[in-house]
Amino acid sequence: MSPHRNESGNMDGTNRANMKAGLQVLIVLKKDQHSGKLTEGIVKDILTKSPTYPHGIKVRLESGEIGRVKKIKRDGDVGAKRNNFLSLVMG
């Protein structure tokens, strides 16, 4: 199964298979659904159990905020990239 991608080629937030802890995402909090305001963060837990959800997979961010993913900002594990960068800088 190929990952769901939006018009710009980025993975979208409606497919649970695209989600994993450590991804940097943009979510809509419940209180912001009417305005569409996005909150940025790093996925800690995936809360939606079904494989897809049309309004976005529900996640808990490392900050504790819960919302539905609208965009996956970076495809890859942010923590691993940060550690790789630090190992290069620190020598």
Protein backbone atom coordinates (compact mmCIF):
# COMPACT_ATOMS: atom_id res chain seq x y z
CA MET A 1 0.00 0.00 0.00
CA SER A 2 1.46 3.37 -0.97
CA PRO A 3 1.21 6.29 1.43
CA HIS A 4 -1.59 8.80 0.86
CA ARG A 5 -0.22 12.03 -0.57
CA ASN A 6 -1.88 15.38 -1.08
CA GLU A 7 -1.71 17.62 -4.17
CA SER A 8 1.79 18.92 -3.31
CA GLY A 9 3.15 15.38 -2.87
CA ASN A 10 3.38 15.53 0.94
CA MET A 11 1.96 12.73 3.03
CA ASP A 12 -1.41 13.70 4.44
CA GLY A 13 -2.77 13.12 7.91
CA THR A 14 -5.70 10.84 7.03
CA ASN A 15 -3.80 7.55 6.85
CA ARG A 16 -2.70 5.88 10.10
CA ALA A 17 0.09 4.04 8.25
CA ASN A 18 1.77 7.43 7.66
CA MET A 19 1.91 8.17 11.41
CA LYS A 20 4.63 7.29 13.87
CA ALA A 21 6.04 8.71 17.06
CA GLY A 22 8.65 11.38 16.37
CA LEU A 23 7.03 12.88 13.27
CA GLN A 24 6.73 16.65 13.14
CA VAL A 25 3.12 17.50 12.26
CA LEU A 26 0.52 20.24 12.10
CA ILE A 27 -2.72 19.44 13.93
CA VAL A 28 -6.06 21.11 14.55
CA LEU A 29 -7.08 21.12 18.20
CA LYS A 30 -10.77 20.53 19.01
CA LYS A 31 -11.14 24.14 20.21
CA ASP A 32 -9.68 25.39 16.90
CA GLN A 33 -11.80 23.29 14.52
CA HIS A 34 -14.05 26.22 13.59
CA SER A 35 -11.11 28.55 12.83
CA GLY A 36 -8.80 25.91 11.33
CA LYS A 37 -5.83 27.22 13.37
CA LEU A 38 -2.93 24.78 13.17
CA THR A 39 -0.68 23.74 16.05
CA GLU A 40 2.79 22.36 15.36
CA GLY A 41 4.35 19.57 17.36
CA ILE A 42 5.95 16.16 17.49
CA VAL A 43 3.80 13.01 17.68
CA LYS A 44 4.03 11.12 20.96
CA ASP A 45 1.02 8.76 20.63
CA ILE A 46 -1.39 7.76 17.86
CA LEU A 47 -4.92 7.72 19.26
CA THR A 48 -7.05 6.78 16.20
CA LYS A 49 -7.40 3.00 15.90
CA SER A 50 -8.90 2.81 12.39
CA PRO A 51 -6.54 2.71 9.37
CA THR A 52 -7.92 5.94 7.88
CA TYR A 53 -10.01 8.86 9.05
CA PRO A 54 -11.20 11.58 6.66
CA HIS A 55 -10.71 14.50 9.09
CA GLY A 56 -7.21 13.40 10.12
CA ILE A 57 -5.70 10.82 12.44
CA LYS A 58 -6.00 11.85 16.10
CA VAL A 59 -2.63 12.10 17.89
CA ARG A 60 -1.18 13.29 21.18
CA LEU A 61 1.82 15.58 20.81
CA GLU A 62 4.84 15.53 23.10
CA SER A 63 3.39 18.74 24.59
CA GLY A 64 0.28 16.77 25.65
CA GLU A 65 -2.02 18.54 23.16
CA ILE A 66 -4.46 16.31 21.25
CA GLY A 67 -5.78 16.98 17.77
CA ARG A 68 -6.22 15.70 14.23
CA VAL A 69 -3.25 15.72 11.84
CA LYS A 70 -3.70 18.03 8.86
CA LYS A 71 -0.14 17.86 7.54
CA ILE A 72 2.99 15.85 8.16
CA LYS A 73 5.64 18.54 8.19
CA ARG A 74 8.66 16.28 7.98
CA ASP A 75 8.80 12.74 6.65
CA GLY A 76 11.11 11.03 9.10
CA ASP A 77 12.00 10.78 12.75
CA VAL A 78 12.83 14.25 14.06
CA GLY A 79 14.59 12.82 17.12
CA ALA A 80 16.89 10.64 15.01
CA LYS A 81 17.73 13.57 12.71
CA ARG A 82 18.49 15.77 15.73
CA ASN A 83 20.78 13.08 17.17
CA ASN A 84 22.57 12.65 13.81
CA PHE A 85 23.08 16.41 13.59
CA LEU A 86 24.45 16.57 17.14
CA SER A 87 26.86 13.72 16.50
CA LEU A 88 28.20 15.54 13.43
CA VAL A 89 28.57 18.85 15.29
CA MET A 90 30.04 17.35 18.46
CA GLY A 91 32.41 15.16 16.49
